[in-house]
Protein backbone atom coordinates (compact mmCIF):
# COMPACT_ATOMS: atom_id res chain seq x y z
CA UNK A 1 51.99 -49.98 -8.41
CA UNK A 2 54.97 -48.29 -10.04
CA UNK A 3 55.29 -45.77 -7.21
CA UNK A 4 55.40 -48.61 -4.68
CA UNK A 5 57.96 -50.51 -6.77
CA UNK A 6 60.23 -47.47 -6.96
CA UNK A 7 59.73 -46.63 -3.29
CA UNK A 8 60.84 -50.12 -2.29
CA UNK A 9 64.14 -49.61 -4.12
CA UNK A 10 65.30 -47.21 -1.40
CA UNK A 11 62.85 -47.35 1.51
CA UNK A 12 61.23 -49.82 3.86
CA UNK A 13 58.44 -47.45 4.94
CA UNK A 14 54.95 -48.79 5.52
CA UNK A 15 52.69 -48.88 2.46
CA UNK A 16 48.95 -49.50 2.54
CA UNK A 17 47.26 -49.57 -0.86
CA UNK A 18 43.68 -48.26 -1.00
CA UNK A 19 42.05 -49.11 -4.31
CA UNK A 20 38.87 -49.96 -6.16
CA UNK A 21 40.63 -52.85 -7.91
CA UNK A 22 39.10 -55.94 -6.31
CA UNK A 23 40.46 -58.80 -8.42
CA UNK A 24 42.72 -61.29 -6.65
CA UNK A 25 45.45 -60.70 -9.21
CA UNK A 26 45.45 -56.97 -8.36
CA UNK A 27 45.90 -57.78 -4.68
CA UNK A 28 48.75 -60.17 -5.47
CA UNK A 29 50.47 -57.62 -7.70
CA UNK A 30 50.08 -54.90 -5.07
CA UNK A 31 51.63 -57.09 -2.40
CA UNK A 32 54.32 -58.32 -4.79
CA UNK A 33 55.57 -54.80 -5.51
CA UNK A 34 56.00 -54.22 -1.78
CA UNK A 35 52.75 -53.08 -0.17
CA UNK A 36 52.37 -54.09 3.48
CA UNK A 37 48.59 -54.19 3.23
CA UNK A 38 45.97 -53.89 0.48
CA UNK A 39 42.41 -52.66 1.05
CA UNK A 40 39.66 -52.40 -1.55
CA UNK A 41 36.82 -49.90 -1.70
CA UNK A 42 34.41 -49.64 -0.09
CA UNK A 43 36.14 -49.92 3.27
CA UNK A 44 35.37 -48.70 6.74
CA UNK A 45 37.47 -45.75 7.91
CA UNK A 46 37.65 -47.46 11.30
CA UNK A 47 39.10 -50.59 9.70
CA UNK A 48 41.68 -48.48 7.87
CA UNK A 49 42.63 -46.75 11.13
CA UNK A 50 42.90 -50.12 12.89
CA UNK A 51 45.16 -51.53 10.15
CA UNK A 52 47.40 -48.46 10.18
CA UNK A 53 47.57 -48.58 13.98
CA UNK A 54 48.50 -52.27 13.82
CA UNK A 55 51.30 -51.49 11.36
CA UNK A 56 52.59 -48.66 13.53
CA UNK A 57 52.66 -50.89 16.62
CA UNK A 58 54.93 -53.28 14.74
CA UNK A 59 58.11 -51.37 14.01
CA UNK A 60 60.34 -52.90 11.40
CA UNK A 61 63.07 -54.92 12.94
CA UNK A 62 66.23 -55.85 11.11
CA UNK A 63 67.12 -59.52 11.00
CA UNK A 64 70.64 -58.41 11.83
CA UNK A 65 69.41 -57.69 15.37
CA UNK A 66 68.81 -61.42 15.72
CA UNK A 67 72.28 -62.36 14.49
CA UNK A 68 74.78 -62.69 17.27
CA UNK A 69 77.20 -65.39 16.17
CA UNK A 70 78.94 -63.73 13.24
CA UNK A 71 79.06 -60.44 11.40
CA UNK A 72 80.02 -62.12 8.11
CA UNK A 73 78.18 -65.15 6.76
CA UNK A 74 79.48 -67.11 3.78
CA UNK A 75 77.58 -69.52 1.56
CA UNK A 76 79.65 -70.68 -1.40
CA UNK A 77 80.65 -67.53 -3.29
CA UNK A 78 78.03 -65.50 -1.42
CA UNK A 79 79.27 -63.22 1.35
CA UNK A 80 76.79 -61.51 3.68
CA UNK A 81 78.29 -58.74 5.79
CA UNK A 82 75.66 -58.18 8.47
CA UNK A 83 77.26 -55.14 10.06
CA UNK A 84 77.76 -53.34 6.73
CA UNK A 85 74.44 -54.71 5.41
CA UNK A 86 76.10 -55.72 2.15
CA UNK A 87 75.86 -58.85 0.06
CA UNK A 88 78.54 -59.87 -2.44
CA UNK A 89 78.30 -62.72 -4.94
CA UNK A 90 81.52 -63.71 -6.67
CA UNK A 91 83.03 -60.40 -5.52
CA UNK A 92 80.21 -58.27 -6.98
CA UNK A 93 77.82 -56.26 -4.81
CA UNK A 94 74.23 -57.53 -4.92
CA UNK A 95 71.82 -54.59 -4.42
CA UNK A 96 69.12 -55.75 -1.99
CA UNK A 97 66.40 -53.72 -0.34
CA UNK A 98 66.32 -53.58 3.44
CA UNK A 99 63.67 -56.28 3.68
CA UNK A 100 65.35 -58.53 1.11
CA UNK A 101 68.59 -58.28 3.07
CA UNK A 102 66.80 -59.09 6.34
CA UNK A 103 65.09 -62.17 4.83
CA UNK A 104 68.38 -63.47 3.41
CA UNK A 105 70.33 -62.73 6.61
CA UNK A 106 67.69 -64.43 8.79
CA UNK A 107 67.94 -67.65 6.78
CA UNK A 108 71.73 -67.50 6.50
CA UNK A 109 72.08 -67.11 10.28
CA UNK A 110 70.52 -70.56 10.76
CA UNK A 111 71.67 -72.65 7.77
CA UNK A 112 70.07 -75.93 8.85
CA UNK A 113 66.65 -74.50 9.64
CA UNK A 114 63.63 -74.53 7.35
CA UNK A 115 61.65 -71.31 7.76
CA UNK A 116 57.94 -71.31 7.08
CA UNK A 117 56.32 -67.99 6.17
CA UNK A 118 55.31 -67.23 9.75
CA UNK A 119 58.82 -67.88 11.09
CA UNK A 120 60.32 -65.45 8.57
CA UNK A 121 57.65 -62.87 9.38
CA UNK A 122 58.34 -63.22 13.10
CA UNK A 123 62.09 -62.84 12.51
CA UNK A 124 62.03 -59.99 9.99
CA UNK A 125 58.84 -58.02 10.68
CA UNK A 126 58.19 -59.03 14.30
CA UNK A 127 55.87 -61.53 15.97
CA UNK A 128 52.86 -59.22 15.99
CA UNK A 129 52.92 -58.40 12.28
CA UNK A 130 49.50 -58.62 10.63
CA UNK A 131 48.97 -58.96 6.89
CA UNK A 132 49.17 -61.38 4.00
CA UNK A 133 51.89 -63.94 4.73
CA UNK A 134 52.44 -64.47 0.99
CA UNK A 135 54.45 -61.26 1.13
CA UNK A 136 57.34 -63.52 2.19
CA UNK A 137 57.13 -65.38 -1.13
CA UNK A 138 57.50 -62.11 -3.00
CA UNK A 139 60.60 -61.07 -1.07
CA UNK A 140 62.14 -64.55 -1.46
CA UNK A 141 61.49 -64.38 -5.21
CA UNK A 142 63.22 -60.99 -5.42
CA UNK A 143 66.21 -62.27 -3.43
CA UNK A 144 66.48 -65.29 -5.71
CA UNK A 145 66.34 -63.17 -8.85
CA UNK A 146 69.02 -60.80 -7.58
CA UNK A 147 71.28 -63.71 -6.57
CA UNK A 148 70.82 -65.41 -9.95
CA UNK A 149 68.87 -68.40 -8.63
CA UNK A 150 66.27 -70.09 -10.83
CA UNK A 151 63.57 -72.66 -10.17
CA UNK A 152 65.94 -75.37 -11.41
CA UNK A 153 69.11 -74.04 -9.76
CA UNK A 154 68.31 -73.02 -6.20
CA UNK A 155 71.85 -72.48 -4.97
CA UNK A 156 71.26 -69.87 -2.27
CA UNK A 157 67.58 -70.00 -1.31
CA UNK A 158 65.92 -73.39 -1.53
CA UNK A 159 62.25 -74.27 -1.36
CA UNK A 160 61.23 -77.11 0.93
CA UNK A 161 57.94 -78.10 -0.65
CA UNK A 162 54.93 -77.75 1.59
CA UNK A 163 57.00 -76.23 4.39
CA UNK A 164 58.96 -73.11 3.46
CA UNK A 165 62.49 -71.97 2.66
CA UNK A 166 66.03 -72.59 3.81
CA UNK A 167 69.41 -71.26 2.87
CA UNK A 168 71.24 -73.30 0.26
CA UNK A 169 74.89 -74.31 0.07
CA UNK A 170 75.85 -72.10 -2.84
CA UNK A 171 76.46 -75.02 -5.16
């Protein structure tokens, strides 16, 4: 788990966890630290090969490729420079991973839209991505924490109960 957590700090490579830990909480923790897939023993080698092949067919795609209108997006005191792939809040750099940046940029590019998990997956990972869609929740949580949002004060990323997420107004 710690290796995956540290790997995600600087890389967006594919990670498939193979483990004997079968509890639901273990799966959730594995996905929350950044794994793309989680398989428990015993597993079929053919299933593993199929899952790896599926991941490899779905190259990571930056949300910035979807953005065409503007290279700099501003939400309150939040500034998202798409071309430089930098986020600043109140003049301070916010260190986001590649995926966190892509999730934030995708929502910021369409401020009025509510994104459900599948819509964010299609935008950030690609329409053919296969895996646990709750991975989106983990990345949104990390973005919120890094931007200083809380459950009570959702200034930048807001939850639309029962539907998904949308970009906030910064206030």
